[in-house]
Amino acid sequence: MNVSSTSTRAADVIQVPEYFYAVDINYLTHMIADMLGRLISHNDLIPLTPSNLTRFHSRTPPNISLSDYLRRIVKYTSVEKSCLLILLIYIDRVCELHPHFTISSLTVHRFLITAVTVSSKALCDSYCTNSHYAKVGGISTQEINALELEFLSLIDWHLSSTGLILQQYYANLVEQHPCYKRIISDETRESFEKSIHKKRRRSSGGIPEDEQKNGKNILDTIELEEEHTKRHFDTLLGDDTIPYIA
């Protein structure tokens, strides 16, 4: 029974590209919606007080689900993958600057449409008008204008990100989702193996073998993946076919 269910789960796992710019935007939307759903389930347990109320709060949760709302935004705004992925970075930045701010069922819809509006303007050469974003989000143009100013104030106008940081968020997003697995290219694997081998040779003297095989190797792998990713994105800076690699 367990073997059969495990095999079924393994068969259902979807393989996605190594890098975020190559992933199908529908898969990315699904992963982000699921992650936000888990976050909301946790944050909805936090009592709401007058001091926690923001311009992003609704009186009651909107009738449209988070997943459907995010798919609607993607469909009707032609949002770039980088603009979609950076929403997670924006959430972390806002919550770091304002610990009492929470993404909940009362705030997530307004936050998402505002964040997409802002990220598209910050990262893309072309984007929609505020009236269009408002129509897609189900709010008035006047409200999206006010939300945009509030958002910029909350995040202290820190709207950009590097390709490396976006990639790290993407890798973590895939790793946390049971239905997706990131494909690591043979080139990347070989690069890791060669670099790790060189590091072991340089630092093996006087260090217990079990210590080398545990924490240090994990840190080495993380560091090497970051170095490899940085080199990869550096080679893409002049590629106009890939939107927003900074």
C-alpha atoms as a PDB file:
ATOM      1  CA  MET A   1       0.000   0.000   0.000  1.00  0.00           C
ATOM      2  CA  ASN A   2       2.715   2.466   1.033  1.00  0.00           C
ATOM      3  CA  VAL A   3       4.894   1.520  -1.939  1.00  0.00           C
ATOM      4  CA  SER A   4       2.001   2.070  -4.341  1.00  0.00           C
ATOM      5  CA  SER A   5       1.091   5.482  -2.912  1.00  0.00           C
ATOM      6  CA  THR A   6       4.722   6.524  -2.924  1.00  0.00           C
ATOM      7  CA  SER A   7       5.042   5.508  -6.581  1.00  0.00           C
ATOM      8  CA  THR A   8       1.908   7.473  -7.432  1.00  0.00           C
ATOM      9  CA  ARG A   9       3.227  10.554  -5.702  1.00  0.00           C
ATOM     10  CA  ALA A  10       6.564  10.234  -7.489  1.00  0.00           C
ATOM     11  CA  ALA A  11       4.788   9.916 -10.829  1.00  0.00           C
ATOM     12  CA  ASP A  12       2.800  13.082 -10.115  1.00  0.00           C
ATOM     13  CA  VAL A  13       5.880  15.218  -9.461  1.00  0.00           C
ATOM     14  CA  ILE A  14       6.392  17.833 -12.176  1.00  0.00           C
ATOM     15  CA  GLN A  15       9.929  18.614 -13.241  1.00  0.00           C
ATOM     16  CA  VAL A  16      10.627  22.313 -13.703  1.00  0.00           C
ATOM     17  CA  PRO A  17      13.676  24.084 -15.161  1.00  0.00           C
ATOM     18  CA  GLU A  18      16.735  24.893 -13.111  1.00  0.00           C
ATOM     19  CA  TYR A  19      16.291  28.652 -13.511  1.00  0.00           C
ATOM     20  CA  PHE A  20      13.223  30.774 -12.812  1.00  0.00           C
ATOM     21  CA  TYR A  21      13.212  32.582 -16.145  1.00  0.00           C
ATOM     22  CA  ALA A  22      12.597  29.291 -17.976  1.00  0.00           C
ATOM     23  CA  VAL A  23       9.764  27.931 -15.828  1.00  0.00           C
ATOM     24  CA  ASP A  24       6.192  27.790 -17.121  1.00  0.00           C
ATOM     25  CA  ILE A  25       4.405  30.762 -15.565  1.00  0.00           C
ATOM     26  CA  ASN A  26       1.398  28.575 -14.728  1.00  0.00           C
ATOM     27  CA  TYR A  27       3.603  26.330 -12.588  1.00  0.00           C
ATOM     28  CA  LEU A  28       5.155  29.375 -10.943  1.00  0.00           C
ATOM     29  CA  THR A  29       1.702  30.789 -10.236  1.00  0.00           C
ATOM     30  CA  HIS A  30       0.605  27.488  -8.683  1.00  0.00           C
ATOM     31  CA  MET A  31       3.643  27.303  -6.408  1.00  0.00           C
ATOM     32  CA  ILE A  32       3.329  30.906  -5.260  1.00  0.00           C
ATOM     33  CA  ALA A  33      -0.418  30.558  -4.614  1.00  0.00           C
ATOM     34  CA  ASP A  34       0.124  27.405  -2.548  1.00  0.00           C
ATOM     35  CA  MET A  35       2.914  29.009  -0.543  1.00  0.00           C
ATOM     36  CA  LEU A  36       0.801  32.084   0.158  1.00  0.00           C
ATOM     37  CA  GLY A  37      -2.102  29.833   1.088  1.00  0.00           C
ATOM     38  CA  ARG A  38       0.012  28.181   3.768  1.00  0.00           C
ATOM     39  CA  LEU A  39       1.156  31.575   5.017  1.00  0.00           C
ATOM     40  CA  ILE A  40      -2.411  32.838   5.208  1.00  0.00           C
ATOM     41  CA  SER A  41      -3.592  29.761   7.119  1.00  0.00           C
ATOM     42  CA  HIS A  42      -1.023  30.591   9.763  1.00  0.00           C
ATOM     43  CA  ASN A  43      -1.532  34.362   9.839  1.00  0.00           C
ATOM     44  CA  ASP A  44      -5.326  34.154   9.991  1.00  0.00           C
ATOM     45  CA  LEU A  45      -4.888  32.746  13.492  1.00  0.00           C
ATOM     46  CA  ILE A  46      -3.294  36.016  14.648  1.00  0.00           C
ATOM     47  CA  PRO A  47      -5.892  38.234  16.371  1.00  0.00           C
ATOM     48  CA  LEU A  48      -6.731  41.402  14.463  1.00  0.00           C
ATOM     49  CA  THR A  49      -6.435  44.623  16.461  1.00  0.00           C
ATOM     50  CA  PRO A  50      -7.033  48.267  15.478  1.00  0.00           C
ATOM     51  CA  SER A  51      -3.266  48.860  15.523  1.00  0.00           C
ATOM     52  CA  ASN A  52      -2.789  46.123  12.895  1.00  0.00           C
ATOM     53  CA  LEU A  53      -5.304  47.537  10.408  1.00  0.00           C
ATOM     54  CA  THR A  54      -3.895  48.857   7.145  1.00  0.00           C
ATOM     55  CA  ARG A  55      -5.180  50.248   3.871  1.00  0.00           C
ATOM     56  CA  PHE A  56      -4.822  46.713   2.450  1.00  0.00           C
ATOM     57  CA  HIS A  57      -7.425  45.196   4.795  1.00  0.00           C
ATOM     58  CA  SER A  58     -10.863  44.150   3.562  1.00  0.00           C
ATOM     59  CA  ARG A  59     -13.833  43.928   5.907  1.00  0.00           C
ATOM     60  CA  THR A  60     -14.322  40.300   4.873  1.00  0.00           C
ATOM     61  CA  PRO A  61     -12.315  37.948   2.639  1.00  0.00           C
ATOM     62  CA  PRO A  62     -13.168  38.519  -1.059  1.00  0.00           C
ATOM     63  CA  ASN A  63     -15.344  35.917  -2.765  1.00  0.00           C
ATOM     64  CA  ILE A  64     -12.612  34.971  -5.235  1.00  0.00           C
ATOM     65  CA  SER A  65      -9.996  32.525  -3.959  1.00  0.00           C
ATOM     66  CA  LEU A  66      -6.339  33.486  -3.736  1.00  0.00           C
ATOM     67  CA  SER A  67      -5.416  30.971  -6.434  1.00  0.00           C
ATOM     68  CA  ASP A  68      -8.085  32.194  -8.863  1.00  0.00           C
ATOM     69  CA  TYR A  69      -7.216  35.817  -8.148  1.00  0.00           C
ATOM     70  CA  LEU A  70      -3.514  35.283  -8.870  1.00  0.00           C
ATOM     71  CA  ARG A  71      -4.335  33.399 -12.080  1.00  0.00           C
ATOM     72  CA  ARG A  72      -6.608  36.271 -13.116  1.00  0.00           C
ATOM     73  CA  ILE A  73      -3.784  38.764 -12.579  1.00  0.00           C
ATOM     74  CA  VAL A  74      -1.369  36.646 -14.608  1.00  0.00           C
ATOM     75  CA  LYS A  75      -3.891  36.184 -17.431  1.00  0.00           C
ATOM     76  CA  TYR A  76      -4.980  39.782 -17.846  1.00  0.00           C
ATOM     77  CA  THR A  77      -1.791  41.728 -17.055  1.00  0.00           C
ATOM     78  CA  SER A  78       0.749  39.593 -18.967  1.00  0.00           C
ATOM     79  CA  VAL A  79       2.991  39.840 -15.918  1.00  0.00           C
ATOM     80  CA  GLU A  80       6.619  38.738 -16.295  1.00  0.00           C
ATOM     81  CA  LYS A  81       7.916  35.814 -14.227  1.00  0.00           C
ATOM     82  CA  SER A  82      10.394  38.048 -12.422  1.00  0.00           C
ATOM     83  CA  CYS A  83       7.556  40.408 -11.420  1.00  0.00           C
ATOM     84  CA  LEU A  84       5.581  37.463 -10.092  1.00  0.00           C
ATOM     85  CA  LEU A  85       8.478  35.906  -8.182  1.00  0.00           C
ATOM     86  CA  ILE A  86       9.552  39.195  -6.636  1.00  0.00           C
ATOM     87  CA  LEU A  87       6.197  39.352  -4.829  1.00  0.00           C
ATOM     88  CA  LEU A  88       7.681  36.948  -2.278  1.00  0.00           C
ATOM     89  CA  ILE A  89      10.669  39.232  -1.799  1.00  0.00           C
ATOM     90  CA  TYR A  90       8.351  42.205  -1.343  1.00  0.00           C
ATOM     91  CA  ILE A  91       6.437  40.356   1.367  1.00  0.00           C
ATOM     92  CA  ASP A  92       9.658  39.646   3.254  1.00  0.00           C
ATOM     93  CA  ARG A  93      10.847  43.241   2.913  1.00  0.00           C
ATOM     94  CA  VAL A  94       7.572  44.776   4.075  1.00  0.00           C
ATOM     95  CA  CYS A  95       7.238  42.366   7.005  1.00  0.00           C
ATOM     96  CA  GLU A  96      10.852  42.990   8.023  1.00  0.00           C
ATOM     97  CA  LEU A  97      10.289  46.749   8.073  1.00  0.00           C
ATOM     98  CA  HIS A  98       6.819  46.437   9.635  1.00  0.00           C
ATOM     99  CA  PRO A  99       6.633  43.338  11.879  1.00  0.00           C
ATOM    100  CA  HIS A 100       2.946  43.899  12.644  1.00  0.00           C
ATOM    101  CA  PHE A 101       1.968  43.729   8.970  1.00  0.00           C
ATOM    102  CA  THR A 102       0.633  40.313   7.978  1.00  0.00           C
ATOM    103  CA  ILE A 103      -0.427  38.688   4.741  1.00  0.00           C
ATOM    104  CA  SER A 104      -3.816  37.247   5.594  1.00  0.00           C
ATOM    105  CA  SER A 105      -7.091  36.444   3.856  1.00  0.00           C
ATOM    106  CA  LEU A 106      -8.045  40.086   4.475  1.00  0.00           C
ATOM    107  CA  THR A 107      -4.907  41.672   2.983  1.00  0.00           C
ATOM    108  CA  VAL A 108      -3.523  39.301   0.364  1.00  0.00           C
ATOM    109  CA  HIS A 109      -5.724  40.324  -2.593  1.00  0.00           C
ATOM    110  CA  ARG A 110      -5.024  44.052  -2.382  1.00  0.00           C
ATOM    111  CA  PHE A 111      -1.373  43.382  -1.627  1.00  0.00           C
ATOM    112  CA  LEU A 112      -0.956  41.168  -4.697  1.00  0.00           C
ATOM    113  CA  ILE A 113      -2.543  43.504  -7.244  1.00  0.00           C
ATOM    114  CA  THR A 114      -0.616  46.441  -5.821  1.00  0.00           C
ATOM    115  CA  ALA A 115       2.665  44.532  -5.754  1.00  0.00           C
ATOM    116  CA  VAL A 116       2.211  43.433  -9.380  1.00  0.00           C
ATOM    117  CA  THR A 117       1.456  47.032 -10.355  1.00  0.00           C
ATOM    118  CA  VAL A 118       4.613  48.276  -8.659  1.00  0.00           C
ATOM    119  CA  SER A 119       6.917  45.432  -9.731  1.00  0.00           C
ATOM    120  CA  SER A 120       5.874  45.757 -13.374  1.00  0.00           C
ATOM    121  CA  LYS A 121       6.753  49.448 -13.350  1.00  0.00           C
ATOM    122  CA  ALA A 122      10.032  48.818 -11.553  1.00  0.00           C
ATOM    123  CA  LEU A 123      11.274  45.864 -13.619  1.00  0.00           C
ATOM    124  CA  CYS A 124       9.682  46.064 -17.066  1.00  0.00           C
ATOM    125  CA  ASP A 125       9.987  48.413 -20.022  1.00  0.00           C
ATOM    126  CA  SER A 126       6.263  48.177 -20.728  1.00  0.00           C
ATOM    127  CA  TYR A 127       3.353  47.759 -18.322  1.00  0.00           C
ATOM    128  CA  CYS A 128      -0.360  48.393 -17.998  1.00  0.00           C
ATOM    129  CA  THR A 129      -2.090  51.531 -16.781  1.00  0.00           C
ATOM    130  CA  ASN A 130      -3.274  51.807 -13.197  1.00  0.00           C
ATOM    131  CA  SER A 131      -6.869  51.797 -14.414  1.00  0.00           C
ATOM    132  CA  HIS A 132      -6.243  48.434 -16.074  1.00  0.00           C
ATOM    133  CA  TYR A 133      -4.617  46.951 -12.964  1.00  0.00           C
ATOM    134  CA  ALA A 134      -7.538  48.265 -10.919  1.00  0.00           C
ATOM    135  CA  LYS A 135     -10.075  46.643 -13.251  1.00  0.00           C
ATOM    136  CA  VAL A 136      -8.229  43.313 -13.114  1.00  0.00           C
ATOM    137  CA  GLY A 137      -7.987  43.533  -9.326  1.00  0.00           C
ATOM    138  CA  GLY A 138     -11.655  44.441  -8.846  1.00  0.00           C
ATOM    139  CA  ILE A 139     -11.000  47.810  -7.218  1.00  0.00           C
ATOM    140  CA  SER A 140     -11.266  51.439  -8.325  1.00  0.00           C
ATOM    141  CA  THR A 141      -8.466  53.389  -9.985  1.00  0.00           C
ATOM    142  CA  GLN A 142      -8.523  55.791  -7.061  1.00  0.00           C
ATOM    143  CA  GLU A 143      -7.946  52.914  -4.665  1.00  0.00           C
ATOM    144  CA  ILE A 144      -5.080  51.360  -6.641  1.00  0.00           C
ATOM    145  CA  ASN A 145      -3.421  54.789  -6.739  1.00  0.00           C
ATOM    146  CA  ALA A 146      -3.686  55.102  -2.962  1.00  0.00           C
ATOM    147  CA  LEU A 147      -2.520  51.520  -2.416  1.00  0.00           C
ATOM    148  CA  GLU A 148       0.481  52.083  -4.686  1.00  0.00           C
ATOM    149  CA  LEU A 149       1.638  55.086  -2.632  1.00  0.00           C
ATOM    150  CA  GLU A 150       1.067  53.170   0.599  1.00  0.00           C
ATOM    151  CA  PHE A 151       3.023  50.187  -0.743  1.00  0.00           C
ATOM    152  CA  LEU A 152       5.975  52.335  -1.795  1.00  0.00           C
ATOM    153  CA  SER A 153       6.053  53.874   1.663  1.00  0.00           C
ATOM    154  CA  LEU A 154       5.883  50.488   3.398  1.00  0.00           C
ATOM    155  CA  ILE A 155       8.720  49.015   1.342  1.00  0.00           C
ATOM    156  CA  ASP A 156      10.769  52.239   1.443  1.00  0.00           C
ATOM    157  CA  TRP A 157      10.927  52.270  -2.384  1.00  0.00           C
ATOM    158  CA  HIS A 158      13.183  49.184  -2.370  1.00  0.00           C
ATOM    159  CA  LEU A 159      11.714  47.549  -5.475  1.00  0.00           C
ATOM    160  CA  SER A 160      14.574  45.923  -7.378  1.00  0.00           C
ATOM    161  CA  SER A 161      16.385  42.628  -6.875  1.00  0.00           C
ATOM    162  CA  THR A 162      19.273  40.753  -8.422  1.00  0.00           C
ATOM    163  CA  GLY A 163      18.838  37.655 -10.556  1.00  0.00           C
ATOM    164  CA  LEU A 164      20.743  35.727  -7.890  1.00  0.00           C
ATOM    165  CA  ILE A 165      18.225  36.588  -5.155  1.00  0.00           C
ATOM    166  CA  LEU A 166      15.281  35.826  -7.425  1.00  0.00           C
ATOM    167  CA  GLN A 167      16.863  32.465  -8.237  1.00  0.00           C
ATOM    168  CA  GLN A 168      17.329  31.664  -4.554  1.00  0.00           C
ATOM    169  CA  TYR A 169      13.655  32.375  -3.888  1.00  0.00           C
ATOM    170  CA  TYR A 170      12.693  30.218  -6.861  1.00  0.00           C
ATOM    171  CA  ALA A 171      14.869  27.311  -5.722  1.00  0.00           C
ATOM    172  CA  ASN A 172      13.377  27.477  -2.210  1.00  0.00           C
ATOM    173  CA  LEU A 173       9.857  27.745  -3.609  1.00  0.00           C
ATOM    174  CA  VAL A 174      10.274  24.570  -5.674  1.00  0.00           C
ATOM    175  CA  GLU A 175      11.980  22.713  -2.839  1.00  0.00           C
ATOM    176  CA  GLN A 176       9.087  23.425  -0.464  1.00  0.00           C
ATOM    177  CA  HIS A 177       6.403  22.200  -2.866  1.00  0.00           C
ATOM    178  CA  PRO A 178       5.755  18.430  -2.969  1.00  0.00           C
ATOM    179  CA  CYS A 179       4.471  18.468  -6.560  1.00  0.00           C
ATOM    180  CA  TYR A 180       7.527  20.017  -8.199  1.00  0.00           C
ATOM    181  CA  LYS A 181      11.188  19.148  -8.607  1.00  0.00           C
ATOM    182  CA  ARG A 182      13.870  21.362 -10.093  1.00  0.00           C
ATOM    183  CA  ILE A 183      15.978  19.832 -12.860  1.00  0.00           C
ATOM    184  CA  ILE A 184      19.689  20.389 -12.268  1.00  0.00           C
ATOM    185  CA  SER A 185      21.686  20.312 -15.491  1.00  0.00           C
ATOM    186  CA  ASP A 186      24.660  17.989 -15.962  1.00  0.00           C
ATOM    187  CA  GLU A 187      26.836  21.051 -16.446  1.00  0.00           C
ATOM    188  CA  THR A 188      25.833  22.419 -13.055  1.00  0.00           C
ATOM    189  CA  ARG A 189      26.373  19.059 -11.341  1.00  0.00           C
ATOM    190  CA  GLU A 190      29.815  18.660 -12.870  1.00  0.00           C
ATOM    191  CA  SER A 191      30.729  22.198 -11.872  1.00  0.00           C
ATOM    192  CA  PHE A 192      29.660  21.516  -8.264  1.00  0.00           C
ATOM    193  CA  GLU A 193      31.541  18.242  -8.083  1.00  0.00           C
ATOM    194  CA  LYS A 194      34.764  19.740  -9.435  1.00  0.00           C
ATOM    195  CA  SER A 195      34.597  22.765  -7.145  1.00  0.00           C
ATOM    196  CA  ILE A 196      33.767  20.675  -4.064  1.00  0.00           C
ATOM    197  CA  HIS A 197      36.634  18.295  -4.864  1.00  0.00           C
ATOM    198  CA  LYS A 198      39.057  21.217  -5.091  1.00  0.00           C
ATOM    199  CA  LYS A 199      37.842  22.665  -1.798  1.00  0.00           C
ATOM    200  CA  ARG A 200      38.184  19.343  -0.016  1.00  0.00           C
ATOM    201  CA  ARG A 201      41.743  18.970  -1.236  1.00  0.00           C
ATOM    202  CA  ARG A 202      42.648  22.449   0.003  1.00  0.00           C
ATOM    203  CA  SER A 203      40.997  22.151   3.421  1.00  0.00           C
ATOM    204  CA  SER A 204      41.145  18.465   4.361  1.00  0.00           C
ATOM    205  CA  GLY A 205      44.255  18.597   6.542  1.00  0.00           C
ATOM    206  CA  GLY A 206      43.594  18.241  10.264  1.00  0.00           C
ATOM    207  CA  ILE A 207      39.779  18.217   9.951  1.00  0.00           C
ATOM    208  CA  PRO A 208      37.893  15.119  11.138  1.00  0.00           C
ATOM    209  CA  GLU A 209      36.338  13.173   8.280  1.00  0.00           C
ATOM    210  CA  ASP A 210      32.831  13.104   9.780  1.00  0.00           C
ATOM    211  CA  GLU A 211      32.869  16.892  10.142  1.00  0.00           C
ATOM    212  CA  GLN A 212      33.811  17.302   6.504  1.00  0.00           C
ATOM    213  CA  LYS A 213      30.900  15.102   5.415  1.00  0.00           C
ATOM    214  CA  ASN A 214      28.254  17.003   7.367  1.00  0.00           C
ATOM    215  CA  GLY A 215      27.830  20.709   8.025  1.00  0.00           C
ATOM    216  CA  LYS A 216      30.853  21.942   6.126  1.00  0.00           C
ATOM    217  CA  ASN A 217      29.895  20.121   2.940  1.00  0.00           C
ATOM    218  CA  ILE A 218      26.392  21.584   3.118  1.00  0.00           C
ATOM    219  CA  LEU A 219      27.758  25.102   3.475  1.00  0.00           C
ATOM    220  CA  ASP A 220      30.210  24.465   0.638  1.00  0.00           C
ATOM    221  CA  THR A 221      27.396  23.292  -1.620  1.00  0.00           C
ATOM    222  CA  ILE A 222      25.269  26.375  -0.860  1.00  0.00           C
ATOM    223  CA  GLU A 223      28.214  28.689  -1.461  1.00  0.00           C
ATOM    224  CA  LEU A 224      29.168  26.953  -4.691  1.00  0.00           C
ATOM    225  CA  GLU A 225      25.591  27.021  -5.993  1.00  0.00           C
ATOM    226  CA  GLU A 226      25.469  30.765  -5.355  1.00  0.00           C
ATOM    227  CA  GLU A 227      28.785  31.251  -7.179  1.00  0.00           C
ATOM    228  CA  HIS A 228      27.622  29.132 -10.102  1.00  0.00           C
ATOM    229  CA  THR A 229      24.279  30.942 -10.288  1.00  0.00           C
ATOM    230  CA  LYS A 230      25.980  34.344 -10.211  1.00  0.00           C
ATOM    231  CA  ARG A 231      28.283  33.337 -13.065  1.00  0.00           C
ATOM    232  CA  HIS A 232      25.300  32.006 -15.009  1.00  0.00           C
ATOM    233  CA  PHE A 233      23.292  35.210 -14.652  1.00  0.00           C
ATOM    234  CA  ASP A 234      26.344  37.317 -15.509  1.00  0.00           C
ATOM    235  CA  THR A 235      26.420  35.583 -18.887  1.00  0.00           C
ATOM    236  CA  LEU A 236      22.758  36.526 -19.486  1.00  0.00           C
ATOM    237  CA  LEU A 237      23.067  40.264 -18.951  1.00  0.00           C
ATOM    238  CA  GLY A 238      23.332  40.924 -22.658  1.00  0.00           C
ATOM    239  CA  ASP A 239      20.579  38.509 -23.665  1.00  0.00           C
ATOM    240  CA  ASP A 240      17.555  40.600 -24.672  1.00  0.00           C
ATOM    241  CA  THR A 241      15.348  37.519 -24.956  1.00  0.00           C
ATOM    242  CA  ILE A 242      15.362  37.052 -21.177  1.00  0.00           C
ATOM    243  CA  PRO A 243      13.416  39.824 -19.365  1.00  0.00           C
ATOM    244  CA  TYR A 244      14.998  41.403 -16.299  1.00  0.00           C
ATOM    245  CA  ILE A 245      18.241  39.776 -15.305  1.00  0.00           C
ATOM    246  CA  ALA A 246      20.013  42.271 -13.039  1.00  0.00           C
END
